[in-house]
N, C-alpha and C. Protein backbone atom coordinates (compact mmCIF):
# COMPACT_ATOMS: atom_id res chain seq x y z
N UNK A 1 -40.39 -27.75 60.90
CA UNK A 1 -41.87 -27.75 59.70
C UNK A 1 -42.44 -29.11 60.02
N UNK A 2 -43.65 -29.46 59.86
CA UNK A 2 -44.32 -30.62 59.62
C UNK A 2 -45.83 -30.41 58.74
N UNK A 3 -45.35 -30.47 57.32
CA UNK A 3 -46.43 -30.35 56.72
C UNK A 3 -46.64 -31.51 55.66
N UNK A 4 -48.21 -32.18 55.93
CA UNK A 4 -48.55 -32.95 55.14
C UNK A 4 -49.82 -32.81 54.13
N UNK A 5 -49.43 -33.50 52.88
CA UNK A 5 -50.64 -33.28 51.95
C UNK A 5 -50.66 -34.53 50.96
N UNK A 6 -52.26 -34.52 51.09
CA UNK A 6 -52.66 -36.09 50.20
C UNK A 6 -52.65 -35.68 48.93
N UNK A 7 -52.23 -36.63 48.09
CA UNK A 7 -52.05 -36.60 46.51
C UNK A 7 -52.85 -37.60 46.16
N UNK A 8 -54.29 -37.50 45.54
CA UNK A 8 -54.85 -38.05 45.16
C UNK A 8 -54.91 -38.71 43.60
N UNK A 9 -54.14 -39.31 42.70
CA UNK A 9 -54.73 -39.44 41.21
C UNK A 9 -56.02 -39.13 40.55
N UNK A 10 -56.28 -40.23 41.26
CA UNK A 10 -58.04 -40.44 40.79
C UNK A 10 -58.56 -39.40 40.51
N UNK A 11 -58.96 -38.40 41.61
CA UNK A 11 -59.54 -37.09 41.41
C UNK A 11 -58.41 -35.99 40.79
N UNK A 12 -57.25 -36.35 40.84
CA UNK A 12 -55.98 -35.25 40.35
C UNK A 12 -56.36 -34.19 41.40
N UNK A 13 -56.10 -34.68 42.88
CA UNK A 13 -56.17 -33.30 43.57
C UNK A 13 -54.75 -33.53 44.76
N UNK A 14 -54.78 -32.22 44.87
CA UNK A 14 -53.67 -32.62 45.95
C UNK A 14 -54.08 -31.71 47.29
N UNK A 15 -54.30 -32.09 48.39
CA UNK A 15 -54.93 -31.67 49.56
C UNK A 15 -53.87 -31.24 51.43
N UNK A 16 -53.76 -30.62 51.51
CA UNK A 16 -53.00 -30.40 53.26
C UNK A 16 -54.13 -31.22 54.00
N UNK A 17 -53.42 -31.92 54.64
CA UNK A 17 -54.15 -32.91 55.93
C UNK A 17 -53.48 -32.88 57.15
N UNK A 18 -53.93 -32.63 58.36
CA UNK A 18 -53.27 -32.95 59.39
C UNK A 18 -53.13 -34.52 59.65
N UNK A 19 -51.85 -34.62 60.69
CA UNK A 19 -51.30 -36.13 60.94
C UNK A 19 -51.37 -36.88 59.79
N UNK A 20 -50.80 -36.59 58.85
CA UNK A 20 -50.53 -37.09 57.45
C UNK A 20 -49.85 -38.66 57.77
N UNK A 21 -48.50 -38.43 58.90
CA UNK A 21 -47.76 -39.53 58.89
C UNK A 21 -48.64 -40.87 59.89
N UNK A 22 -49.31 -39.94 61.05
CA UNK A 22 -49.84 -41.10 61.78
C UNK A 22 -51.32 -41.72 60.83
N UNK A 23 -52.21 -41.39 60.07
CA UNK A 23 -53.08 -41.21 59.29
C UNK A 23 -52.94 -41.83 57.89
N UNK A 24 -51.14 -42.38 57.62
CA UNK A 24 -51.53 -42.77 56.13
C UNK A 24 -51.94 -43.88 55.79
N UNK A 25 -52.36 -44.65 56.36
CA UNK A 25 -52.93 -46.01 56.39
C UNK A 25 -54.26 -45.68 55.95
N UNK A 26 -55.25 -44.90 56.67
CA UNK A 26 -55.98 -44.35 56.28
C UNK A 26 -56.44 -43.94 55.02
N UNK A 27 -54.96 -42.74 54.53
CA UNK A 27 -55.47 -42.15 53.86
C UNK A 27 -55.25 -42.29 52.40
N UNK A 28 -54.50 -43.24 52.61
CA UNK A 28 -53.61 -44.25 51.04
C UNK A 28 -54.27 -45.40 51.03
N UNK A 29 -55.25 -45.82 52.27
CA UNK A 29 -56.05 -47.40 51.57
C UNK A 29 -55.33 -48.25 51.68
N UNK A 30 -54.07 -48.76 52.89
CA UNK A 30 -53.47 -49.66 52.78
C UNK A 30 -53.19 -49.92 54.44
N UNK A 31 -53.30 -51.42 54.49
CA UNK A 31 -52.45 -51.41 55.84
C UNK A 31 -51.76 -51.14 56.18
N UNK A 32 -50.89 -51.28 55.21
CA UNK A 32 -49.27 -51.40 55.68
C UNK A 32 -48.28 -50.23 55.00
N UNK A 33 -48.81 -49.24 54.27
CA UNK A 33 -47.91 -48.26 53.48
C UNK A 33 -46.44 -48.05 53.90
N UNK A 34 -45.96 -47.86 52.83
CA UNK A 34 -44.25 -47.86 52.67
C UNK A 34 -44.28 -46.54 52.44
N UNK A 35 -43.08 -45.99 52.86
CA UNK A 35 -42.52 -45.01 52.94
C UNK A 35 -41.10 -44.52 51.78
N UNK A 36 -41.38 -43.77 51.06
CA UNK A 36 -40.12 -43.69 50.04
C UNK A 36 -39.80 -41.87 50.26
N UNK A 37 -38.12 -42.42 50.53
CA UNK A 37 -37.96 -41.22 50.75
C UNK A 37 -37.70 -40.17 49.82
N UNK A 38 -37.81 -39.14 49.63
CA UNK A 38 -37.36 -37.78 48.76
C UNK A 38 -36.15 -37.55 49.12
N UNK A 39 -35.86 -37.05 50.78
CA UNK A 39 -34.74 -36.30 51.11
C UNK A 39 -34.34 -36.62 52.43
N UNK A 40 -33.50 -36.64 53.14
CA UNK A 40 -33.34 -36.93 54.00
C UNK A 40 -31.61 -35.98 54.46
N UNK A 41 -31.52 -35.58 56.06
CA UNK A 41 -30.38 -34.84 56.24
C UNK A 41 -29.67 -35.99 57.40
N UNK A 42 -30.08 -36.83 58.18
CA UNK A 42 -29.71 -37.44 59.10
C UNK A 42 -29.90 -37.04 60.44
N UNK A 43 -30.42 -36.29 59.96
CA UNK A 43 -30.53 -35.48 62.04
C UNK A 43 -32.37 -35.26 62.17
N UNK A 44 -33.01 -36.59 61.86
CA UNK A 44 -34.67 -36.17 61.98
C UNK A 44 -34.83 -35.41 60.67
N UNK A 45 -34.55 -34.72 60.10
CA UNK A 45 -35.47 -33.95 59.35
C UNK A 45 -35.21 -34.93 58.01
N UNK A 46 -36.49 -34.83 57.12
CA UNK A 46 -36.53 -36.14 56.04
C UNK A 46 -38.18 -34.96 55.60
N UNK A 47 -37.97 -35.81 54.06
CA UNK A 47 -39.46 -35.23 53.21
C UNK A 47 -39.42 -36.94 52.74
N UNK A 48 -40.46 -37.35 53.03
CA UNK A 48 -41.03 -38.40 51.87
C UNK A 48 -42.81 -38.78 51.59
N UNK A 49 -42.62 -39.96 50.72
CA UNK A 49 -44.25 -39.77 50.19
C UNK A 49 -44.63 -41.10 51.11
N UNK A 50 -45.86 -41.18 51.66
CA UNK A 50 -46.36 -42.86 51.95
C UNK A 50 -47.12 -42.51 51.19
N UNK A 51 -47.07 -43.98 50.92
CA UNK A 51 -47.80 -45.12 49.40
C UNK A 51 -48.58 -46.60 50.15
N UNK A 52 -49.29 -46.91 49.22
CA UNK A 52 -49.35 -48.18 49.09
C UNK A 52 -49.07 -48.95 47.87
N UNK A 53 -48.08 -50.38 49.42
CA UNK A 53 -47.40 -51.14 47.92
C UNK A 53 -48.10 -52.10 47.21
N UNK A 54 -49.56 -52.21 47.10
CA UNK A 54 -50.26 -52.58 46.24
C UNK A 54 -51.43 -51.94 45.09
N UNK A 55 -50.63 -50.91 44.99
CA UNK A 55 -51.51 -50.03 44.03
C UNK A 55 -51.27 -50.09 42.80
N UNK A 56 -50.74 -50.77 42.30
CA UNK A 56 -49.77 -50.76 40.89
C UNK A 56 -50.92 -50.81 39.65
N UNK A 57 -52.17 -51.29 40.01
CA UNK A 57 -53.09 -50.66 38.91
C UNK A 57 -54.12 -49.46 39.07
N UNK A 58 -53.60 -48.68 40.03
CA UNK A 58 -53.87 -47.55 40.04
C UNK A 58 -53.64 -46.25 39.00
N UNK A 59 -54.06 -45.32 39.36
CA UNK A 59 -53.67 -44.19 38.18
C UNK A 59 -52.60 -43.70 39.59
N UNK A 60 -51.30 -43.12 38.56
CA UNK A 60 -50.06 -42.51 39.56
C UNK A 60 -49.71 -41.10 38.92
N UNK A 61 -48.71 -40.99 39.99
CA UNK A 61 -48.24 -39.35 39.88
C UNK A 61 -46.63 -39.43 39.97
N UNK A 62 -46.37 -38.87 39.86
CA UNK A 62 -44.82 -38.00 39.98
C UNK A 62 -44.20 -36.97 40.56
N UNK A 63 -43.40 -37.08 41.70
CA UNK A 63 -43.43 -36.11 42.89
C UNK A 63 -41.55 -35.86 41.83
N UNK A 64 -41.74 -34.60 41.26
CA UNK A 64 -40.40 -34.18 41.12
C UNK A 64 -39.92 -33.08 41.53
N UNK A 65 -38.98 -32.77 42.42
CA UNK A 65 -38.65 -31.74 43.25
C UNK A 65 -36.72 -31.50 42.85
N UNK A 66 -36.20 -30.33 43.06
CA UNK A 66 -35.02 -29.82 42.31
C UNK A 66 -34.62 -29.20 43.99
N UNK A 67 -33.32 -29.68 44.16
CA UNK A 67 -32.77 -29.69 45.41
C UNK A 67 -31.14 -29.60 44.96
N UNK A 68 -30.28 -28.47 45.60
CA UNK A 68 -29.06 -28.22 45.27
C UNK A 68 -28.58 -28.56 43.54
N UNK A 69 -28.91 -27.83 42.71
CA UNK A 69 -29.14 -28.43 41.35
C UNK A 69 -29.20 -29.89 40.71
N UNK A 70 -29.95 -30.78 41.65
CA UNK A 70 -30.77 -31.97 41.24
C UNK A 70 -31.68 -31.96 41.33
N UNK A 71 -32.14 -33.08 40.36
CA UNK A 71 -33.67 -33.53 40.13
C UNK A 71 -33.94 -35.29 41.31
N UNK A 72 -35.23 -34.59 42.12
CA UNK A 72 -35.54 -35.82 42.94
C UNK A 72 -36.82 -35.68 42.25
N UNK A 73 -36.76 -37.09 42.56
CA UNK A 73 -37.97 -37.50 41.62
C UNK A 73 -38.63 -39.20 42.11
N UNK A 74 -39.58 -38.88 42.27
CA UNK A 74 -40.14 -41.00 42.80
C UNK A 74 -41.94 -40.84 42.03
N UNK A 75 -41.87 -42.13 41.48
CA UNK A 75 -43.23 -42.43 41.12
C UNK A 75 -44.05 -43.01 41.44
N UNK A 76 -45.19 -42.90 42.18
CA UNK A 76 -46.43 -43.60 42.88
C UNK A 76 -47.47 -44.05 42.35
N UNK A 77 -47.66 -45.38 42.53
CA UNK A 77 -49.09 -45.75 42.07
C UNK A 77 -50.27 -45.54 42.64
N UNK A 78 -51.52 -44.91 43.00
CA UNK A 78 -52.51 -44.87 43.88
C UNK A 78 -51.93 -43.54 45.17
N UNK A 79 -52.83 -43.13 45.63
CA UNK A 79 -52.82 -41.99 46.66
C UNK A 79 -51.38 -42.10 47.37
N UNK A 80 -51.12 -40.94 47.65
CA UNK A 80 -49.64 -40.36 48.89
C UNK A 80 -50.14 -40.10 49.32
N UNK A 81 -49.15 -39.53 50.42
CA UNK A 81 -49.03 -38.92 51.25
C UNK A 81 -47.54 -38.08 51.33
N UNK A 82 -47.75 -37.02 50.92
CA UNK A 82 -46.66 -36.36 51.40
C UNK A 82 -46.33 -36.22 52.69
N UNK A 83 -44.93 -36.17 53.51
CA UNK A 83 -44.70 -35.55 54.56
C UNK A 83 -43.33 -35.04 54.57
N UNK A 84 -43.40 -33.98 55.49
CA UNK A 84 -41.95 -33.12 55.51
C UNK A 84 -41.95 -32.94 56.66
N UNK A 85 -40.62 -33.25 57.37
CA UNK A 85 -40.86 -32.95 58.90
C UNK A 85 -39.34 -32.61 59.50
N UNK A 86 -39.13 -31.48 60.05
CA UNK A 86 -37.81 -31.62 60.87
C UNK A 86 -37.58 -30.02 59.87
N UNK A 87 -35.89 -29.56 60.08
CA UNK A 87 -35.45 -28.88 59.36
C UNK A 87 -35.65 -28.84 58.07
N UNK A 88 -36.17 -28.48 57.03
CA UNK A 88 -36.37 -28.69 55.68
C UNK A 88 -35.46 -27.86 55.01
N UNK A 89 -34.59 -27.92 53.93
CA UNK A 89 -33.80 -26.63 53.48
C UNK A 89 -35.09 -26.17 52.46
N UNK A 90 -35.03 -24.27 52.43
CA UNK A 90 -35.32 -23.52 52.19
C UNK A 90 -36.20 -23.55 50.59
N UNK A 91 -34.58 -24.39 49.80
CA UNK A 91 -35.10 -24.91 48.64
C UNK A 91 -36.21 -25.67 48.50
N UNK A 92 -36.13 -26.75 49.22
CA UNK A 92 -37.15 -27.46 49.29
C UNK A 92 -38.36 -26.75 49.64
N UNK A 93 -38.97 -26.35 50.95
CA UNK A 93 -39.64 -25.94 51.84
C UNK A 93 -40.28 -25.26 50.89
N UNK A 94 -39.64 -23.96 50.14
CA UNK A 94 -40.14 -23.40 49.06
C UNK A 94 -41.14 -23.84 47.89
N UNK A 95 -40.72 -25.29 47.70
CA UNK A 95 -41.33 -26.24 46.70
C UNK A 95 -42.62 -26.75 47.75
N UNK A 96 -42.83 -26.45 48.93
CA UNK A 96 -43.90 -27.72 49.21
C UNK A 96 -45.09 -26.38 50.19
N UNK A 97 -44.40 -25.18 50.59
CA UNK A 97 -45.19 -23.98 51.21
C UNK A 97 -46.77 -24.14 50.93
N UNK A 98 -47.24 -24.42 49.86
CA UNK A 98 -48.77 -24.36 50.09
C UNK A 98 -48.85 -25.46 48.90
N UNK A 99 -50.17 -25.71 48.95
CA UNK A 99 -50.91 -27.07 48.03
C UNK A 99 -50.63 -26.62 46.86
N UNK A 100 -51.08 -25.16 46.69
CA UNK A 100 -50.49 -25.05 45.06
C UNK A 100 -48.99 -25.26 44.75
N UNK A 101 -48.16 -24.58 45.30
CA UNK A 101 -47.02 -24.99 45.39
C UNK A 101 -46.55 -26.44 44.90
N UNK A 102 -47.11 -27.65 45.51
CA UNK A 102 -46.74 -29.00 44.99
C UNK A 102 -47.64 -29.22 44.17
N UNK A 103 -48.31 -28.62 43.61
CA UNK A 103 -49.01 -29.00 42.20
C UNK A 103 -47.59 -28.68 41.35
N UNK A 104 -46.92 -27.77 41.50
CA UNK A 104 -45.81 -27.60 40.60
C UNK A 104 -44.92 -28.76 40.43
N UNK A 105 -45.18 -29.43 41.72
CA UNK A 105 -43.97 -30.64 41.50
C UNK A 105 -44.71 -31.83 41.29
N UNK A 106 -45.79 -31.88 41.44
CA UNK A 106 -46.33 -33.56 40.88
C UNK A 106 -46.64 -33.49 40.01
N UNK A 107 -46.73 -34.57 39.13
CA UNK A 107 -47.77 -34.77 37.98
C UNK A 107 -48.26 -36.45 37.69
N UNK A 108 -49.55 -35.72 37.68
CA UNK A 108 -50.74 -36.70 37.54
C UNK A 108 -50.23 -37.36 35.79
N UNK A 109 -50.15 -38.86 36.38
CA UNK A 109 -50.19 -39.12 34.71
C UNK A 109 -51.67 -39.86 34.28
N UNK A 110 -51.66 -40.12 32.93
CA UNK A 110 -53.15 -39.97 32.34
C UNK A 110 -53.44 -41.71 32.15
N UNK A 111 -54.43 -41.67 32.58
CA UNK A 111 -55.03 -43.00 32.45
C UNK A 111 -54.20 -44.29 31.33
N UNK A 112 -54.03 -44.02 30.29
CA UNK A 112 -53.15 -44.85 29.66
C UNK A 112 -51.51 -45.31 29.83
N UNK A 113 -51.17 -44.54 30.77
CA UNK A 113 -49.91 -44.76 31.02
C UNK A 113 -49.59 -45.51 32.28
N UNK A 114 -50.39 -46.31 32.63
CA UNK A 114 -50.37 -46.73 34.17
C UNK A 114 -49.21 -47.96 33.73
N UNK A 115 -49.30 -48.27 32.77
CA UNK A 115 -48.57 -49.90 32.69
C UNK A 115 -46.91 -49.45 32.45
N UNK A 116 -46.98 -48.15 31.19
CA UNK A 116 -45.72 -48.02 31.52
C UNK A 116 -44.90 -46.89 32.51
N UNK A 117 -45.99 -46.32 33.36
CA UNK A 117 -45.57 -45.73 35.05
C UNK A 117 -44.60 -47.20 35.55
N UNK A 118 -45.21 -47.95 35.60
CA UNK A 118 -44.82 -49.60 36.13
C UNK A 118 -43.79 -49.90 35.63
N UNK A 119 -43.70 -49.78 34.10
CA UNK A 119 -41.95 -50.09 34.47
C UNK A 119 -41.29 -49.81 34.23
N UNK A 120 -41.56 -47.85 34.03
CA UNK A 120 -40.40 -46.97 34.68
C UNK A 120 -40.22 -47.06 35.86
N UNK A 121 -41.05 -47.69 36.68
CA UNK A 121 -40.27 -47.80 38.25
C UNK A 121 -39.62 -49.27 38.51
N UNK A 122 -40.08 -50.09 37.63
CA UNK A 122 -39.57 -51.42 37.86
C UNK A 122 -37.64 -51.62 37.55
N UNK A 123 -37.65 -49.92 36.35
CA UNK A 123 -36.10 -50.34 35.90
C UNK A 123 -36.05 -51.57 35.06
N UNK A 124 -34.44 -51.96 35.33
CA UNK A 124 -33.93 -52.97 34.38
C UNK A 124 -34.61 -54.69 34.45
N UNK A 125 -35.11 -54.55 35.38
CA UNK A 125 -35.10 -55.70 35.96
C UNK A 125 -36.71 -56.22 35.51
N UNK A 126 -37.19 -55.56 35.02
CA UNK A 126 -38.40 -55.71 34.10
C UNK A 126 -37.96 -56.13 32.47
N UNK A 127 -39.09 -57.20 32.70
CA UNK A 127 -38.45 -57.96 31.39
C UNK A 127 -39.05 -57.00 30.06
N UNK A 128 -38.17 -57.29 29.78
CA UNK A 128 -38.38 -56.41 27.67
C UNK A 128 -38.14 -57.21 26.34
N UNK A 129 -39.16 -57.26 25.55
CA UNK A 129 -38.68 -58.41 24.40
C UNK A 129 -37.30 -57.69 23.69
N UNK A 130 -37.21 -59.01 23.27
CA UNK A 130 -35.58 -59.11 22.64
C UNK A 130 -35.72 -58.34 21.22
N UNK A 131 -34.27 -57.51 20.67
CA UNK A 131 -34.31 -56.64 20.08
C UNK A 131 -34.87 -57.59 18.82
N UNK A 132 -34.67 -58.69 18.41
CA UNK A 132 -34.80 -58.93 17.29
C UNK A 132 -36.41 -59.11 16.93
N UNK A 133 -37.34 -59.27 17.79
CA UNK A 133 -38.50 -59.29 17.87
C UNK A 133 -39.33 -57.77 17.57
N UNK A 134 -38.26 -56.82 17.76
CA UNK A 134 -38.55 -55.54 17.00
C UNK A 134 -38.57 -55.26 15.85
N UNK A 135 -37.79 -56.18 15.08
CA UNK A 135 -37.10 -55.81 13.61
C UNK A 135 -38.73 -55.98 12.97
N UNK A 136 -38.85 -55.45 11.97
CA UNK A 136 -39.94 -55.24 11.10
C UNK A 136 -40.23 -56.74 10.15
N UNK A 137 -40.88 -57.60 10.39
CA UNK A 137 -41.06 -58.97 9.65
C UNK A 137 -40.97 -58.60 7.56
N UNK A 138 -41.26 -57.12 7.01
CA UNK A 138 -41.08 -57.18 5.86
C UNK A 138 -39.30 -56.64 5.57
N UNK A 139 -39.02 -56.23 6.55
CA UNK A 139 -37.64 -55.84 6.54
C UNK A 139 -36.63 -57.36 6.32
N UNK A 140 -37.13 -58.38 7.12
CA UNK A 140 -36.62 -59.66 6.76
C UNK A 140 -37.03 -60.15 5.66
N UNK A 141 -38.01 -59.78 5.33
CA UNK A 141 -38.40 -60.38 4.05
C UNK A 141 -38.08 -59.63 2.97
N UNK A 142 -37.32 -58.71 2.87
CA UNK A 142 -37.06 -58.40 1.62
C UNK A 142 -35.14 -58.24 1.75
N UNK A 143 -34.65 -58.70 3.20
CA UNK A 143 -33.32 -59.33 3.11
C UNK A 143 -32.96 -60.91 3.08
N UNK A 144 -34.19 -61.43 2.99
CA UNK A 144 -34.24 -63.08 2.18
C UNK A 144 -34.82 -62.89 0.71
N UNK A 145 -35.56 -62.01 0.38
CA UNK A 145 -35.65 -61.80 -1.06
C UNK A 145 -34.22 -61.63 -2.02
N UNK A 146 -32.91 -60.53 -1.09
CA UNK A 146 -31.97 -60.24 -1.79
C UNK A 146 -31.34 -61.12 -1.64
N UNK A 147 -30.94 -62.27 -0.52
CA UNK A 147 -30.39 -63.29 -0.86
C UNK A 147 -30.54 -64.20 -1.80
N UNK A 148 -31.76 -64.43 -1.56
CA UNK A 148 -32.48 -65.68 -2.94
C UNK A 148 -31.80 -64.81 -4.29
N UNK A 149 -31.85 -63.88 -4.65
CA UNK A 149 -31.50 -63.15 -5.83
C UNK A 149 -30.21 -63.36 -5.87
N UNK A 150 -28.78 -63.12 -4.92
CA UNK A 150 -27.73 -63.24 -4.94
C UNK A 150 -27.02 -64.53 -5.19
N UNK A 151 -27.87 -65.36 -5.00
CA UNK A 151 -27.57 -66.44 -4.38
C UNK A 151 -27.38 -67.43 -3.53
N UNK A 152 -27.56 -66.63 -1.77
CA UNK A 152 -27.05 -66.80 -1.08
C UNK A 152 -28.73 -67.58 -0.26
N UNK A 153 -28.09 -68.47 1.22
CA UNK A 153 -29.39 -69.15 1.50
C UNK A 153 -29.11 -68.87 2.81
């Protein structure tokens, strides 16, 4: 099996393409696209997504497929090229056999959620606001008023 699909979150489209691996730089608009591994069996059979590592501020998409009772997913900003080559298991092959089938495993993010997707991809290494900043100032004032009424400072 050798299948390639261009996923374009700008136009929210999925198109079957020829030579997607060789043309990944052209299709993703990146001089040096990266490969995100979705599945491999270590015998030259792989299912990857090529993408531009510099497309953080672009609309994004998430690839989510099922294999062996588990969910495999990868979030990508900008255009991506799904590349399947080798002996892909039937369970995965059925999910990517046509552009219409790929539409079922791809979820395009809404424009307002680009920053959220970037945060999700960054995982725990992304800085978050401390918990105490999340508390309501009204709640703190209420506690201060209670402390004053009871004589605590």
